Amino acid sequence: MFSPKTDLFDPDLARLAEQAKALAHPARLAILQVLAKRDSCMCGEIVDDIPLAQASVSRHLKTLKDAGLIKGDIDGPRVCYCIDWNATTELRRRMASFLANVSDPQPGVAECC
């Protein structure tokens, strides 16, 4: 069985990679934009704003929820979604810190290529 061996890495780095992977699709970014514009949870109307089939939108919502970027509450036969603002704030902080560490050349390190 395939194992990505993410347990060999720092847990914070593995979590950042998981969330970055969840963001790596335009449909999921669009879903986050739609959710960010609302003050309340959204259920079926997400599909009205995303140019994909219900099944595809549901799959993308599951990916975002599994990454901890959105929350979902079951309301009878429907699941209502909203952004987890604490999670997205933390992701923004960790991503900024990560990029600051890899985007500036370290003293004494020569440029390559």
N, C-alpha and C. Protein backbone atom coordinates (compact mmCIF):
# COMPACT_ATOMS: atom_id res chain seq x y z
N MET A 1 0.84 -1.19 0.00
CA MET A 1 0.00 0.00 0.00
C MET A 1 0.88 1.24 0.00
N PHE A 2 0.47 2.26 -0.76
CA PHE A 2 1.23 3.50 -0.86
C PHE A 2 1.13 4.28 0.44
N SER A 3 2.26 4.79 0.90
CA SER A 3 2.28 5.64 2.09
C SER A 3 3.05 6.91 1.75
N PRO A 4 2.44 8.08 1.93
CA PRO A 4 3.15 9.32 1.61
C PRO A 4 4.25 9.65 2.62
N LYS A 5 4.31 8.90 3.71
CA LYS A 5 5.33 9.07 4.75
C LYS A 5 5.34 10.49 5.32
N THR A 6 4.17 11.09 5.40
CA THR A 6 4.11 12.44 5.97
C THR A 6 4.45 12.44 7.45
N ASP A 7 4.34 11.27 8.09
CA ASP A 7 4.68 11.20 9.52
C ASP A 7 6.18 11.35 9.77
N LEU A 8 6.99 11.35 8.72
CA LEU A 8 8.43 11.55 8.87
C LEU A 8 8.79 13.03 9.01
N PHE A 9 7.82 13.91 8.77
CA PHE A 9 8.08 15.34 8.77
C PHE A 9 7.45 16.00 9.99
N ASP A 10 7.90 17.21 10.25
CA ASP A 10 7.33 18.00 11.33
C ASP A 10 5.81 18.07 11.15
N PRO A 11 5.03 17.83 12.21
CA PRO A 11 3.57 17.84 12.08
C PRO A 11 3.01 19.16 11.55
N ASP A 12 3.62 20.29 11.92
CA ASP A 12 3.15 21.58 11.41
C ASP A 12 3.38 21.69 9.91
N LEU A 13 4.50 21.18 9.43
CA LEU A 13 4.79 21.22 8.00
C LEU A 13 3.83 20.28 7.24
N ALA A 14 3.56 19.12 7.81
CA ALA A 14 2.63 18.18 7.19
C ALA A 14 1.23 18.78 7.12
N ARG A 15 0.80 19.47 8.16
CA ARG A 15 -0.52 20.10 8.20
C ARG A 15 -0.60 21.23 7.16
N LEU A 16 0.46 22.03 7.08
CA LEU A 16 0.50 23.10 6.09
C LEU A 16 0.40 22.52 4.68
N ALA A 17 1.10 21.43 4.42
CA ALA A 17 1.05 20.79 3.10
C ALA A 17 -0.34 20.26 2.81
N GLU A 18 -1.00 19.69 3.80
CA GLU A 18 -2.36 19.17 3.61
C GLU A 18 -3.32 20.30 3.25
N GLN A 19 -3.21 21.41 3.94
CA GLN A 19 -4.10 22.54 3.67
C GLN A 19 -3.77 23.19 2.32
N ALA A 20 -2.48 23.29 2.00
CA ALA A 20 -2.09 23.85 0.71
C ALA A 20 -2.62 22.98 -0.43
N LYS A 21 -2.56 21.67 -0.24
CA LYS A 21 -3.08 20.75 -1.25
C LYS A 21 -4.59 20.95 -1.42
N ALA A 22 -5.29 21.19 -0.33
CA ALA A 22 -6.74 21.43 -0.41
C ALA A 22 -7.05 22.70 -1.18
N LEU A 23 -6.14 23.66 -1.16
CA LEU A 23 -6.35 24.93 -1.88
C LEU A 23 -5.93 24.84 -3.35
N ALA A 24 -5.32 23.73 -3.73
CA ALA A 24 -4.71 23.62 -5.06
C ALA A 24 -5.69 23.22 -6.16
N HIS A 25 -6.89 23.75 -6.11
CA HIS A 25 -7.85 23.53 -7.19
C HIS A 25 -8.73 24.76 -7.28
N PRO A 26 -8.95 25.27 -8.50
CA PRO A 26 -9.73 26.51 -8.63
C PRO A 26 -11.17 26.39 -8.10
N ALA A 27 -11.76 25.21 -8.17
CA ALA A 27 -13.12 25.04 -7.64
C ALA A 27 -13.14 25.24 -6.13
N ARG A 28 -12.13 24.73 -5.45
CA ARG A 28 -12.10 24.88 -3.99
C ARG A 28 -11.82 26.33 -3.60
N LEU A 29 -10.99 27.01 -4.37
CA LEU A 29 -10.77 28.44 -4.12
C LEU A 29 -12.07 29.22 -4.35
N ALA A 30 -12.79 28.87 -5.40
CA ALA A 30 -14.07 29.53 -5.69
C ALA A 30 -15.09 29.27 -4.57
N ILE A 31 -15.10 28.05 -4.07
CA ILE A 31 -16.01 27.72 -2.96
C ILE A 31 -15.69 28.58 -1.75
N LEU A 32 -14.41 28.73 -1.43
CA LEU A 32 -14.04 29.58 -0.30
C LEU A 32 -14.46 31.02 -0.53
N GLN A 33 -14.34 31.50 -1.76
CA GLN A 33 -14.78 32.87 -2.06
C GLN A 33 -16.28 33.02 -1.85
N VAL A 34 -17.03 32.03 -2.30
CA VAL A 34 -18.49 32.07 -2.13
C VAL A 34 -18.85 32.07 -0.65
N LEU A 35 -18.23 31.19 0.12
CA LEU A 35 -18.52 31.11 1.55
C LEU A 35 -18.11 32.38 2.28
N ALA A 36 -17.02 33.00 1.86
CA ALA A 36 -16.52 34.21 2.52
C ALA A 36 -17.48 35.39 2.35
N LYS A 37 -18.27 35.38 1.29
CA LYS A 37 -19.20 36.48 1.03
C LYS A 37 -20.48 36.39 1.86
N ARG A 38 -20.68 35.27 2.54
CA ARG A 38 -21.91 35.05 3.30
C ARG A 38 -21.66 35.21 4.79
N ASP A 39 -22.67 35.69 5.48
CA ASP A 39 -22.58 35.81 6.94
C ASP A 39 -23.07 34.56 7.64
N SER A 40 -23.69 33.66 6.91
CA SER A 40 -24.25 32.47 7.52
C SER A 40 -23.82 31.24 6.74
N CYS A 41 -24.16 30.10 7.27
CA CYS A 41 -23.84 28.85 6.59
C CYS A 41 -24.65 28.72 5.30
N MET A 42 -24.05 28.04 4.35
CA MET A 42 -24.71 27.80 3.06
C MET A 42 -24.91 26.31 2.87
N CYS A 43 -26.02 25.96 2.32
CA CYS A 43 -26.28 24.55 2.03
C CYS A 43 -26.27 24.32 0.53
N GLY A 44 -27.37 23.99 -0.05
CA GLY A 44 -27.45 23.65 -1.46
C GLY A 44 -27.11 24.77 -2.41
N GLU A 45 -27.23 26.02 -1.96
CA GLU A 45 -27.02 27.14 -2.88
C GLU A 45 -25.57 27.29 -3.32
N ILE A 46 -24.63 26.60 -2.70
CA ILE A 46 -23.23 26.64 -3.15
C ILE A 46 -23.16 26.16 -4.60
N VAL A 47 -23.92 25.15 -4.92
CA VAL A 47 -23.91 24.58 -6.27
C VAL A 47 -24.36 25.61 -7.30
N ASP A 48 -25.23 26.53 -6.89
CA ASP A 48 -25.71 27.56 -7.83
C ASP A 48 -24.59 28.51 -8.25
N ASP A 49 -23.56 28.65 -7.41
CA ASP A 49 -22.47 29.60 -7.68
C ASP A 49 -21.22 28.96 -8.28
N ILE A 50 -21.18 27.65 -8.34
CA ILE A 50 -20.00 26.94 -8.85
C ILE A 50 -20.41 26.17 -10.11
N PRO A 51 -19.69 26.33 -11.22
CA PRO A 51 -20.10 25.71 -12.48
C PRO A 51 -19.73 24.22 -12.58
N LEU A 52 -20.11 23.48 -11.56
CA LEU A 52 -19.84 22.04 -11.55
C LEU A 52 -21.08 21.30 -11.06
N ALA A 53 -21.12 20.01 -11.31
CA ALA A 53 -22.22 19.17 -10.85
C ALA A 53 -22.22 19.08 -9.32
N GLN A 54 -23.38 18.78 -8.77
CA GLN A 54 -23.54 18.64 -7.33
C GLN A 54 -22.51 17.67 -6.75
N ALA A 55 -22.31 16.54 -7.40
CA ALA A 55 -21.37 15.54 -6.89
C ALA A 55 -19.94 16.09 -6.83
N SER A 56 -19.55 16.85 -7.83
CA SER A 56 -18.21 17.44 -7.84
C SER A 56 -18.05 18.49 -6.74
N VAL A 57 -19.07 19.33 -6.58
CA VAL A 57 -19.02 20.34 -5.51
C VAL A 57 -18.95 19.66 -4.16
N SER A 58 -19.72 18.62 -3.97
CA SER A 58 -19.70 17.88 -2.69
C SER A 58 -18.31 17.30 -2.41
N ARG A 59 -17.68 16.77 -3.44
CA ARG A 59 -16.33 16.21 -3.27
C ARG A 59 -15.34 17.30 -2.88
N HIS A 60 -15.45 18.48 -3.51
CA HIS A 60 -14.55 19.58 -3.16
C HIS A 60 -14.83 20.10 -1.75
N LEU A 61 -16.10 20.15 -1.36
CA LEU A 61 -16.44 20.55 0.00
C LEU A 61 -15.85 19.58 1.02
N LYS A 62 -15.90 18.30 0.72
CA LYS A 62 -15.32 17.30 1.62
C LYS A 62 -13.82 17.50 1.77
N THR A 63 -13.14 17.80 0.67
CA THR A 63 -11.70 18.04 0.73
C THR A 63 -11.39 19.24 1.63
N LEU A 64 -12.14 20.32 1.46
CA LEU A 64 -11.93 21.51 2.29
C LEU A 64 -12.25 21.24 3.75
N LYS A 65 -13.29 20.46 3.98
CA LYS A 65 -13.66 20.13 5.37
C LYS A 65 -12.60 19.22 6.00
N ASP A 66 -12.13 18.22 5.25
CA ASP A 66 -11.10 17.32 5.77
C ASP A 66 -9.82 18.07 6.11
N ALA A 67 -9.54 19.14 5.37
CA ALA A 67 -8.35 19.96 5.63
C ALA A 67 -8.58 20.94 6.78
N GLY A 68 -9.81 20.99 7.28
CA GLY A 68 -10.12 21.85 8.40
C GLY A 68 -10.36 23.31 8.04
N LEU A 69 -10.55 23.60 6.76
CA LEU A 69 -10.72 24.99 6.33
C LEU A 69 -12.17 25.45 6.38
N ILE A 70 -13.10 24.50 6.33
CA ILE A 70 -14.51 24.84 6.46
C ILE A 70 -15.14 23.91 7.49
N LYS A 71 -16.30 24.32 7.98
CA LYS A 71 -17.08 23.51 8.91
C LYS A 71 -18.37 23.10 8.22
N GLY A 72 -18.92 21.98 8.61
CA GLY A 72 -20.18 21.54 8.06
C GLY A 72 -21.08 21.00 9.15
N ASP A 73 -22.33 21.45 9.14
CA ASP A 73 -23.33 20.97 10.11
C ASP A 73 -24.45 20.28 9.36
N ILE A 74 -24.85 19.13 9.88
CA ILE A 74 -25.95 18.39 9.27
C ILE A 74 -27.26 18.99 9.74
N ASP A 75 -28.11 19.33 8.78
CA ASP A 75 -29.42 19.91 9.05
C ASP A 75 -30.44 19.07 8.28
N GLY A 76 -30.89 18.00 8.92
CA GLY A 76 -31.79 17.07 8.23
C GLY A 76 -31.04 16.40 7.10
N PRO A 77 -31.59 16.45 5.88
CA PRO A 77 -30.92 15.79 4.75
C PRO A 77 -29.81 16.65 4.14
N ARG A 78 -29.62 17.87 4.65
CA ARG A 78 -28.63 18.77 4.07
C ARG A 78 -27.45 18.98 5.01
N VAL A 79 -26.33 19.35 4.42
CA VAL A 79 -25.17 19.76 5.20
C VAL A 79 -24.91 21.22 4.86
N CYS A 80 -24.81 22.05 5.90
CA CYS A 80 -24.58 23.48 5.71
C CYS A 80 -23.12 23.77 6.01
N TYR A 81 -22.50 24.63 5.21
CA TYR A 81 -21.08 24.90 5.32
C TYR A 81 -20.80 26.36 5.59
N CYS A 82 -19.68 26.59 6.28
CA CYS A 82 -19.16 27.95 6.48
C CYS A 82 -17.64 27.85 6.65
N ILE A 83 -16.98 28.97 6.45
CA ILE A 83 -15.52 29.00 6.61
C ILE A 83 -15.18 28.89 8.09
N ASP A 84 -14.14 28.15 8.39
CA ASP A 84 -13.58 28.13 9.75
C ASP A 84 -12.57 29.26 9.81
N TRP A 85 -13.02 30.41 10.28
CA TRP A 85 -12.18 31.61 10.28
C TRP A 85 -10.93 31.44 11.13
N ASN A 86 -11.01 30.72 12.22
CA ASN A 86 -9.80 30.48 13.02
C ASN A 86 -8.78 29.68 12.23
N ALA A 87 -9.24 28.67 11.51
CA ALA A 87 -8.33 27.84 10.71
C ALA A 87 -7.70 28.63 9.57
N THR A 88 -8.49 29.46 8.89
CA THR A 88 -7.93 30.21 7.77
C THR A 88 -6.98 31.30 8.24
N THR A 89 -7.26 31.88 9.40
CA THR A 89 -6.34 32.87 9.98
C THR A 89 -5.02 32.20 10.34
N GLU A 90 -5.09 31.02 10.93
CA GLU A 90 -3.89 30.28 11.30
C GLU A 90 -3.13 29.84 10.05
N LEU A 91 -3.84 29.40 9.03
CA LEU A 91 -3.18 29.01 7.77
C LEU A 91 -2.45 30.21 7.16
N ARG A 92 -3.08 31.36 7.15
CA ARG A 92 -2.44 32.57 6.61
C ARG A 92 -1.16 32.89 7.38
N ARG A 93 -1.20 32.77 8.70
CA ARG A 93 -0.03 33.05 9.53
C ARG A 93 1.10 32.05 9.23
N ARG A 94 0.74 30.75 9.19
CA ARG A 94 1.76 29.72 8.95
C ARG A 94 2.33 29.80 7.54
N MET A 95 1.49 30.10 6.56
CA MET A 95 1.96 30.22 5.18
C MET A 95 2.89 31.43 5.03
N ALA A 96 2.54 32.55 5.66
CA ALA A 96 3.39 33.74 5.59
C ALA A 96 4.75 33.45 6.24
N SER A 97 4.74 32.75 7.36
CA SER A 97 5.99 32.40 8.03
C SER A 97 6.83 31.46 7.17
N PHE A 98 6.17 30.47 6.59
CA PHE A 98 6.87 29.52 5.73
C PHE A 98 7.49 30.23 4.53
N LEU A 99 6.70 31.06 3.84
CA LEU A 99 7.20 31.75 2.66
C LEU A 99 8.30 32.74 3.00
N ALA A 100 8.22 33.37 4.15
CA ALA A 100 9.28 34.28 4.57
C ALA A 100 10.60 33.52 4.75
N ASN A 101 10.52 32.27 5.20
CA ASN A 101 11.72 31.48 5.42
C ASN A 101 12.32 30.90 4.14
N VAL A 102 11.50 30.74 3.11
CA VAL A 102 12.04 30.15 1.88
C VAL A 102 12.18 31.15 0.74
N SER A 103 11.68 32.36 0.91
CA SER A 103 11.74 33.30 -0.20
C SER A 103 12.89 34.29 -0.12
N ASP A 104 13.47 34.44 1.04
CA ASP A 104 14.62 35.33 1.18
C ASP A 104 15.90 34.51 1.24
N PRO A 105 16.90 34.87 0.44
CA PRO A 105 18.15 34.11 0.47
C PRO A 105 18.80 34.20 1.85
N GLN A 106 19.33 33.11 2.28
CA GLN A 106 20.02 33.07 3.57
C GLN A 106 21.41 33.66 3.41
N PRO A 107 21.92 34.31 4.45
CA PRO A 107 23.28 34.86 4.37
C PRO A 107 24.31 33.77 4.04
N GLY A 108 25.16 34.06 3.11
CA GLY A 108 26.22 33.12 2.75
C GLY A 108 25.82 32.05 1.75
N VAL A 109 24.55 32.02 1.36
CA VAL A 109 24.10 31.03 0.39
C VAL A 109 24.13 31.66 -1.00
N ALA A 110 24.88 31.03 -1.88
CA ALA A 110 25.02 31.58 -3.24
C ALA A 110 23.77 31.26 -4.05
N GLU A 111 23.46 32.15 -5.00
CA GLU A 111 22.35 31.88 -5.90
C GLU A 111 22.75 30.76 -6.85
N CYS A 112 21.79 30.00 -7.27
CA CYS A 112 22.08 28.95 -8.25
C CYS A 112 21.27 29.20 -9.50
N CYS A 113 21.67 28.52 -10.55
CA CYS A 113 20.98 28.58 -11.85
C CYS A 113 20.94 30.00 -12.35
